[in-house]
């Protein structure tokens, strides 16, 4: 299973909403396997299909360790989420530093809800509901933003966003060489 090239911002695919997956077939399963390989090779926690140029509503993630233990909520695990939909977000917010494989060499403090509930399908077309907290909840929100055409730096002020995009353009030129 080969690692796939990661789409680097700025790129139109990263700000375009991904399409629903109507059939979890062998092509989707191969994409998911390749996405896991790509994520591990790039030392990431999560990866959305749009980040490898596939405009499909699927992302993978693997959160190994977490200190945010919230009763009844998962905070670690390896997941493939197809057509995910957040059904509940907490009012309680936390600020944590985020980075993104599609915006290399940058990270920013981002405020997001501490916990959430998400519905999704797995690779076997089975429906699940997951209550997540900590890094797992943050990763779900970050990757779902990707599927909706939203880069995490959109959560910054306009000034910080503009600075981040300017830096991203310079970094992208370096990666293209």
C-alpha atoms as a PDB file:
ATOM      1  CA  UNK A   1       0.000   0.000   0.000  1.00  0.00           C
ATOM      2  CA  UNK A   2       1.756   3.144  -1.148  1.00  0.00           C
ATOM      3  CA  UNK A   3       1.744   6.439   0.686  1.00  0.00           C
ATOM      4  CA  UNK A   4      -0.036   9.127  -1.298  1.00  0.00           C
ATOM      5  CA  UNK A   5       1.195  12.671  -1.997  1.00  0.00           C
ATOM      6  CA  UNK A   6      -0.253  15.197   0.448  1.00  0.00           C
ATOM      7  CA  UNK A   7      -1.989  18.262  -0.991  1.00  0.00           C
ATOM      8  CA  UNK A   8      -0.290  21.404   0.355  1.00  0.00           C
ATOM      9  CA  UNK A   9      -2.153  24.712   0.869  1.00  0.00           C
ATOM     10  CA  UNK A  10      -3.011  26.855  -0.895  1.00  0.00           C
ATOM     11  CA  UNK A  11      -4.957  24.480  -3.143  1.00  0.00           C
ATOM     12  CA  UNK A  12      -8.593  24.697  -4.283  1.00  0.00           C
ATOM     13  CA  UNK A  13      -9.269  21.085  -3.244  1.00  0.00           C
ATOM     14  CA  UNK A  14      -8.621  22.023   0.397  1.00  0.00           C
ATOM     15  CA  UNK A  15     -11.396  24.634   0.375  1.00  0.00           C
ATOM     16  CA  UNK A  16     -13.971  22.525  -1.489  1.00  0.00           C
ATOM     17  CA  UNK A  17     -16.646  20.419   0.226  1.00  0.00           C
ATOM     18  CA  UNK A  18     -16.099  16.684  -0.277  1.00  0.00           C
ATOM     19  CA  UNK A  19     -18.779  14.382  -1.712  1.00  0.00           C
ATOM     20  CA  UNK A  20     -20.847  11.850   0.240  1.00  0.00           C
ATOM     21  CA  UNK A  21     -19.762   8.251  -0.231  1.00  0.00           C
ATOM     22  CA  UNK A  22     -22.745   6.202  -1.424  1.00  0.00           C
ATOM     23  CA  UNK A  23     -20.974   2.858  -1.879  1.00  0.00           C
ATOM     24  CA  UNK A  24     -18.179   1.620   0.370  1.00  0.00           C
ATOM     25  CA  UNK A  25     -16.515  -0.493  -2.307  1.00  0.00           C
ATOM     26  CA  UNK A  26     -13.006  -1.846  -2.894  1.00  0.00           C
ATOM     27  CA  UNK A  27     -11.852   1.507  -4.288  1.00  0.00           C
ATOM     28  CA  UNK A  28     -12.864   3.279  -1.046  1.00  0.00           C
ATOM     29  CA  UNK A  29     -11.234   0.544   1.046  1.00  0.00           C
ATOM     30  CA  UNK A  30      -7.992   0.896  -0.930  1.00  0.00           C
ATOM     31  CA  UNK A  31      -8.111   4.683  -0.457  1.00  0.00           C
ATOM     32  CA  UNK A  32      -8.557   4.230   3.306  1.00  0.00           C
ATOM     33  CA  UNK A  33      -5.629   1.788   3.539  1.00  0.00           C
ATOM     34  CA  UNK A  34      -3.434   4.183   1.555  1.00  0.00           C
ATOM     35  CA  UNK A  35      -4.553   7.085   3.739  1.00  0.00           C
ATOM     36  CA  UNK A  36      -3.509   5.246   6.914  1.00  0.00           C
ATOM     37  CA  UNK A  37      -0.094   4.533   5.341  1.00  0.00           C
ATOM     38  CA  UNK A  38       0.256   8.172   4.279  1.00  0.00           C
ATOM     39  CA  UNK A  39      -0.746   9.460   7.730  1.00  0.00           C
ATOM     40  CA  UNK A  40       1.748   7.186   9.511  1.00  0.00           C
ATOM     41  CA  UNK A  41       4.557   8.020   7.078  1.00  0.00           C
ATOM     42  CA  UNK A  42       3.923  11.753   7.619  1.00  0.00           C
ATOM     43  CA  UNK A  43       3.716  11.268  11.413  1.00  0.00           C
ATOM     44  CA  UNK A  44       0.185  12.666  11.554  1.00  0.00           C
ATOM     45  CA  UNK A  45      -2.715  12.008  13.921  1.00  0.00           C
ATOM     46  CA  UNK A  46      -5.398  12.271  11.252  1.00  0.00           C
ATOM     47  CA  UNK A  47      -5.821  12.617   7.505  1.00  0.00           C
ATOM     48  CA  UNK A  48      -8.845  13.568   5.404  1.00  0.00           C
ATOM     49  CA  UNK A  49      -9.314  12.230   1.866  1.00  0.00           C
ATOM     50  CA  UNK A  50      -9.226  15.766   0.443  1.00  0.00           C
ATOM     51  CA  UNK A  51      -5.658  16.055   1.758  1.00  0.00           C
ATOM     52  CA  UNK A  52      -4.620  13.361  -0.714  1.00  0.00           C
ATOM     53  CA  UNK A  53      -6.725  14.774  -3.535  1.00  0.00           C
ATOM     54  CA  UNK A  54      -9.740  12.461  -3.169  1.00  0.00           C
ATOM     55  CA  UNK A  55     -12.930  14.505  -2.837  1.00  0.00           C
ATOM     56  CA  UNK A  56     -14.686  11.927  -0.658  1.00  0.00           C
ATOM     57  CA  UNK A  57     -16.202  12.322   2.829  1.00  0.00           C
ATOM     58  CA  UNK A  58     -13.815  10.036   4.688  1.00  0.00           C
ATOM     59  CA  UNK A  59     -10.984  10.526   7.143  1.00  0.00           C
ATOM     60  CA  UNK A  60      -8.683   8.352   9.202  1.00  0.00           C
ATOM     61  CA  UNK A  61      -7.085   8.990  12.584  1.00  0.00           C
ATOM     62  CA  UNK A  62      -5.096   7.237  15.254  1.00  0.00           C
ATOM     63  CA  UNK A  63      -4.891   8.845  18.694  1.00  0.00           C
ATOM     64  CA  UNK A  64      -2.654   6.730  20.920  1.00  0.00           C
ATOM     65  CA  UNK A  65      -2.373   8.544  24.236  1.00  0.00           C
ATOM     66  CA  UNK A  66      -4.577  11.051  25.985  1.00  0.00           C
ATOM     67  CA  UNK A  67      -4.886  12.534  29.445  1.00  0.00           C
ATOM     68  CA  UNK A  68      -8.401  13.979  29.031  1.00  0.00           C
ATOM     69  CA  UNK A  69     -10.496  11.274  30.665  1.00  0.00           C
ATOM     70  CA  UNK A  70     -14.172  12.226  30.597  1.00  0.00           C
ATOM     71  CA  UNK A  71     -16.647   9.621  31.862  1.00  0.00           C
ATOM     72  CA  UNK A  72     -18.535   7.979  28.990  1.00  0.00           C
ATOM     73  CA  UNK A  73     -16.320   9.523  26.285  1.00  0.00           C
ATOM     74  CA  UNK A  74     -13.572   7.914  24.224  1.00  0.00           C
ATOM     75  CA  UNK A  75     -10.277   9.806  24.012  1.00  0.00           C
ATOM     76  CA  UNK A  76      -8.079   7.330  22.122  1.00  0.00           C
ATOM     77  CA  UNK A  77      -8.404   4.919  19.238  1.00  0.00           C
ATOM     78  CA  UNK A  78      -7.848   4.158  15.576  1.00  0.00           C
ATOM     79  CA  UNK A  79     -10.775   5.108  13.353  1.00  0.00           C
ATOM     80  CA  UNK A  80     -11.910   5.399   9.763  1.00  0.00           C
ATOM     81  CA  UNK A  81     -14.963   7.662   9.593  1.00  0.00           C
ATOM     82  CA  UNK A  82     -17.054   7.687   6.427  1.00  0.00           C
ATOM     83  CA  UNK A  83     -19.737  10.368   5.969  1.00  0.00           C
ATOM     84  CA  UNK A  84     -19.222  11.626   9.538  1.00  0.00           C
ATOM     85  CA  UNK A  85     -21.722  14.013  11.097  1.00  0.00           C
ATOM     86  CA  UNK A  86     -21.329  15.748  14.452  1.00  0.00           C
ATOM     87  CA  UNK A  87     -24.631  15.550  16.315  1.00  0.00           C
ATOM     88  CA  UNK A  88     -23.576  17.268  19.548  1.00  0.00           C
ATOM     89  CA  UNK A  89     -20.857  19.744  20.541  1.00  0.00           C
ATOM     90  CA  UNK A  90     -20.081  20.747  24.115  1.00  0.00           C
ATOM     91  CA  UNK A  91     -20.463  24.333  25.288  1.00  0.00           C
ATOM     92  CA  UNK A  92     -17.193  23.859  27.164  1.00  0.00           C
ATOM     93  CA  UNK A  93     -14.273  24.941  24.989  1.00  0.00           C
ATOM     94  CA  UNK A  94     -10.547  24.260  25.191  1.00  0.00           C
ATOM     95  CA  UNK A  95      -7.614  25.911  23.471  1.00  0.00           C
ATOM     96  CA  UNK A  96      -4.922  23.606  22.119  1.00  0.00           C
ATOM     97  CA  UNK A  97      -2.155  23.920  19.567  1.00  0.00           C
ATOM     98  CA  UNK A  98      -3.028  22.360  16.194  1.00  0.00           C
ATOM     99  CA  UNK A  99      -1.016  21.655  13.097  1.00  0.00           C
ATOM    100  CA  UNK A 100      -1.910  20.196   9.718  1.00  0.00           C
ATOM    101  CA  UNK A 101      -0.118  17.990   7.196  1.00  0.00           C
ATOM    102  CA  UNK A 102      -1.468  20.251   4.427  1.00  0.00           C
ATOM    103  CA  UNK A 103      -0.067  23.374   6.114  1.00  0.00           C
ATOM    104  CA  UNK A 104       3.442  22.206   7.068  1.00  0.00           C
ATOM    105  CA  UNK A 105       5.796  24.083   9.375  1.00  0.00           C
ATOM    106  CA  UNK A 106       2.987  25.949  11.159  1.00  0.00           C
ATOM    107  CA  UNK A 107       0.885  25.439  14.273  1.00  0.00           C
ATOM    108  CA  UNK A 108      -1.559  27.674  16.090  1.00  0.00           C
ATOM    109  CA  UNK A 109      -3.636  27.800  19.273  1.00  0.00           C
ATOM    110  CA  UNK A 110      -7.238  26.980  18.266  1.00  0.00           C
ATOM    111  CA  UNK A 111     -10.350  27.033  20.459  1.00  0.00           C
ATOM    112  CA  UNK A 112     -12.771  24.149  19.927  1.00  0.00           C
ATOM    113  CA  UNK A 113     -15.461  22.324  21.929  1.00  0.00           C
ATOM    114  CA  UNK A 114     -13.947  19.886  24.468  1.00  0.00           C
ATOM    115  CA  UNK A 115     -16.217  16.952  23.628  1.00  0.00           C
ATOM    116  CA  UNK A 116     -18.697  15.866  20.968  1.00  0.00           C
ATOM    117  CA  UNK A 117     -20.887  13.113  19.616  1.00  0.00           C
ATOM    118  CA  UNK A 118     -20.377  11.957  16.021  1.00  0.00           C
ATOM    119  CA  UNK A 119     -22.281   9.545  13.777  1.00  0.00           C
ATOM    120  CA  UNK A 120     -20.391   7.785  10.975  1.00  0.00           C
ATOM    121  CA  UNK A 121     -20.035   4.620   8.929  1.00  0.00           C
ATOM    122  CA  UNK A 122     -16.983   2.376   9.184  1.00  0.00           C
ATOM    123  CA  UNK A 123     -15.172   0.570   6.368  1.00  0.00           C
ATOM    124  CA  UNK A 124     -17.706  -2.296   6.618  1.00  0.00           C
ATOM    125  CA  UNK A 125     -20.684   0.073   6.088  1.00  0.00           C
ATOM    126  CA  UNK A 126     -21.727  -0.284   9.744  1.00  0.00           C
ATOM    127  CA  UNK A 127     -23.209   2.793  11.447  1.00  0.00           C
ATOM    128  CA  UNK A 128     -21.680   4.010  14.709  1.00  0.00           C
ATOM    129  CA  UNK A 129     -22.196   6.765  17.235  1.00  0.00           C
ATOM    130  CA  UNK A 130     -19.107   7.846  19.179  1.00  0.00           C
ATOM    131  CA  UNK A 131     -18.781  10.182  22.141  1.00  0.00           C
ATOM    132  CA  UNK A 132     -15.285  11.680  22.028  1.00  0.00           C
ATOM    133  CA  UNK A 133     -13.236  14.058  24.173  1.00  0.00           C
ATOM    134  CA  UNK A 134      -9.719  15.484  24.225  1.00  0.00           C
ATOM    135  CA  UNK A 135      -7.440  15.007  21.214  1.00  0.00           C
ATOM    136  CA  UNK A 136      -9.854  12.522  19.669  1.00  0.00           C
ATOM    137  CA  UNK A 137     -12.670  15.118  19.673  1.00  0.00           C
ATOM    138  CA  UNK A 138     -10.276  17.782  18.374  1.00  0.00           C
ATOM    139  CA  UNK A 139      -9.024  15.519  15.592  1.00  0.00           C
ATOM    140  CA  UNK A 140     -12.601  14.671  14.535  1.00  0.00           C
ATOM    141  CA  UNK A 141     -13.460  18.383  14.337  1.00  0.00           C
ATOM    142  CA  UNK A 142     -10.238  19.196  12.432  1.00  0.00           C
ATOM    143  CA  UNK A 143     -10.708  16.397   9.880  1.00  0.00           C
ATOM    144  CA  UNK A 144     -14.431  17.057   9.451  1.00  0.00           C
ATOM    145  CA  UNK A 145     -13.560  20.708   8.771  1.00  0.00           C
ATOM    146  CA  UNK A 146     -11.355  19.412   5.917  1.00  0.00           C
ATOM    147  CA  UNK A 147     -14.305  17.502   4.456  1.00  0.00           C
ATOM    148  CA  UNK A 148     -16.317  20.734   4.582  1.00  0.00           C
ATOM    149  CA  UNK A 149     -13.596  22.740   2.829  1.00  0.00           C
ATOM    150  CA  UNK A 150     -12.411  24.526   5.974  1.00  0.00           C
ATOM    151  CA  UNK A 151      -8.730  24.759   6.922  1.00  0.00           C
ATOM    152  CA  UNK A 152      -8.050  24.936  10.662  1.00  0.00           C
ATOM    153  CA  UNK A 153      -6.415  28.353  10.240  1.00  0.00           C
ATOM    154  CA  UNK A 154      -9.892  29.710   9.346  1.00  0.00           C
ATOM    155  CA  UNK A 155     -10.525  29.625  13.125  1.00  0.00           C
ATOM    156  CA  UNK A 156      -7.870  32.366  13.545  1.00  0.00           C
ATOM    157  CA  UNK A 157      -8.410  36.106  13.326  1.00  0.00           C
ATOM    158  CA  UNK A 158      -8.316  37.543   9.791  1.00  0.00           C
ATOM    159  CA  UNK A 159      -4.858  39.022  10.401  1.00  0.00           C
ATOM    160  CA  UNK A 160      -3.407  35.714  11.671  1.00  0.00           C
ATOM    161  CA  UNK A 161      -5.160  33.796   8.878  1.00  0.00           C
ATOM    162  CA  UNK A 162      -3.696  36.106   6.222  1.00  0.00           C
ATOM    163  CA  UNK A 163      -0.218  35.727   7.750  1.00  0.00           C
ATOM    164  CA  UNK A 164      -0.598  31.928   7.876  1.00  0.00           C
ATOM    165  CA  UNK A 165      -1.660  31.773   4.212  1.00  0.00           C
ATOM    166  CA  UNK A 166       1.245  33.982   3.171  1.00  0.00           C
ATOM    167  CA  UNK A 167       3.637  31.650   4.979  1.00  0.00           C
ATOM    168  CA  UNK A 168       1.851  28.618   3.471  1.00  0.00           C
ATOM    169  CA  UNK A 169       2.460  29.977  -0.031  1.00  0.00           C
ATOM    170  CA  UNK A 170       6.189  30.297   0.681  1.00  0.00           C
ATOM    171  CA  UNK A 171       6.377  26.830   2.240  1.00  0.00           C
ATOM    172  CA  UNK A 172       4.462  25.298  -0.696  1.00  0.00           C
ATOM    173  CA  UNK A 173       7.038  26.690  -3.148  1.00  0.00           C
ATOM    174  CA  UNK A 174       9.763  25.010  -1.091  1.00  0.00           C
ATOM    175  CA  UNK A 175       7.875  21.669  -1.118  1.00  0.00           C
ATOM    176  CA  UNK A 176       7.317  21.846  -4.878  1.00  0.00           C
ATOM    177  CA  UNK A 177      11.047  22.117  -5.599  1.00  0.00           C
END
